[in-house]
Amino acid sequence: MARKKPEAHLPQLAVSLHNLSVRMGRLGRHEEALAAAAEAVQIRRELARKKPDAHLLELVSSLHNLSAALGYLGRQEEALASTMTWVR
């Protein structure tokens, strides 16, 4: 659905990927959590670029989630870089 009408469905896809990442992380499936978090960030970056007022806070939330996923995998420098992106 998101491919046919991206403007209508991409925000919800990003929410679903974000939530999937959280759930995967809680199950200890950190590689899968990272993949879902990265995809959510990618979608939300594009949405925030087009409409920052509507999507910037969600992007920050997904960047935080990405940072956590990276941290669980021991990728601390990348986790810090992700955090610094949303702190600025």
Protein backbone atom coordinates (compact mmCIF):
# COMPACT_ATOMS: atom_id res chain seq x y z
CA MET A 1 0.00 0.00 0.00
CA ALA A 2 2.79 2.43 0.85
CA ARG A 3 4.25 2.03 -2.64
CA LYS A 4 0.96 2.85 -4.37
CA LYS A 5 0.10 5.91 -2.25
CA PRO A 6 3.26 6.83 -0.34
CA GLU A 7 2.01 10.14 1.03
CA ALA A 8 -0.94 8.38 2.62
CA HIS A 9 0.80 5.28 3.95
CA LEU A 10 4.48 5.99 4.60
CA PRO A 11 3.90 7.65 7.97
CA GLN A 12 2.04 4.58 9.24
CA LEU A 13 4.68 2.26 7.77
CA ALA A 14 7.32 4.20 9.70
CA VAL A 15 5.29 3.82 12.92
CA SER A 16 4.96 0.09 12.33
CA LEU A 17 8.68 -0.32 11.65
CA HIS A 18 9.53 1.72 14.75
CA ASN A 19 7.26 -0.45 16.90
CA LEU A 20 8.58 -3.64 15.30
CA SER A 21 12.10 -2.55 16.18
CA VAL A 22 11.14 -2.05 19.82
CA ARG A 23 9.48 -5.47 20.00
CA MET A 24 12.40 -7.22 18.30
CA GLY A 25 14.80 -5.59 20.72
CA ARG A 26 12.77 -6.78 23.70
CA LEU A 27 13.00 -10.32 22.33
CA GLY A 28 16.78 -10.02 22.02
CA ARG A 29 16.62 -10.02 18.22
CA HIS A 30 18.89 -7.02 17.96
CA GLU A 31 20.00 -7.36 14.34
CA GLU A 32 16.38 -7.42 13.22
CA ALA A 33 15.59 -4.54 15.54
CA LEU A 34 18.39 -2.52 13.98
CA ALA A 35 17.16 -3.22 10.45
CA ALA A 36 13.62 -2.10 11.28
CA ALA A 37 14.87 0.97 13.15
CA ALA A 38 17.10 1.99 10.24
CA GLU A 39 14.24 1.67 7.78
CA ALA A 40 11.96 3.73 10.03
CA VAL A 41 14.63 6.45 10.22
CA GLN A 42 15.06 6.46 6.47
CA ILE A 43 11.33 6.92 5.87
CA ARG A 44 10.95 9.53 8.60
CA ARG A 45 13.96 11.51 7.35
CA GLU A 46 12.30 11.84 3.97
CA LEU A 47 8.96 12.75 5.52
CA ALA A 48 10.61 15.34 7.80
CA ARG A 49 12.51 16.81 4.87
CA LYS A 50 9.22 17.44 3.08
CA LYS A 51 7.12 18.46 6.11
CA PRO A 52 9.31 19.13 9.16
CA ASP A 53 6.50 20.48 11.32
CA ALA A 54 4.53 17.28 10.88
CA HIS A 55 7.32 14.69 11.10
CA LEU A 56 10.40 16.01 12.91
CA LEU A 57 9.43 14.75 16.38
CA GLU A 58 8.76 11.28 15.02
CA LEU A 59 12.16 11.33 13.31
CA VAL A 60 13.81 12.17 16.63
CA SER A 61 12.00 9.26 18.26
CA SER A 62 13.20 6.87 15.56
CA LEU A 63 16.77 8.19 15.80
CA HIS A 64 16.66 7.48 19.54
CA ASN A 65 15.41 3.98 18.82
CA LEU A 66 18.16 3.48 16.23
CA SER A 67 20.75 4.61 18.76
CA ALA A 68 19.46 2.08 21.29
CA ALA A 69 19.53 -0.74 18.73
CA LEU A 70 23.10 0.12 17.79
CA GLY A 71 24.09 0.24 21.45
CA TYR A 72 22.69 -3.23 22.14
CA LEU A 73 24.89 -4.53 19.34
CA GLY A 74 27.98 -2.91 20.87
CA ARG A 75 28.24 -0.31 18.13
CA GLN A 76 28.70 2.54 20.59
CA GLU A 77 30.30 5.08 18.24
CA GLU A 78 27.45 4.71 15.76
CA ALA A 79 24.94 4.92 18.60
CA LEU A 80 26.54 8.15 19.76
CA ALA A 81 26.47 9.56 16.22
CA SER A 82 22.76 8.78 15.95
CA THR A 83 22.12 10.46 19.29
CA MET A 84 24.10 13.52 18.29
CA THR A 85 21.97 13.83 15.15
CA TRP A 86 18.83 14.40 17.17
CA VAL A 87 20.43 16.42 19.95
CA ARG A 88 21.55 19.13 17.54
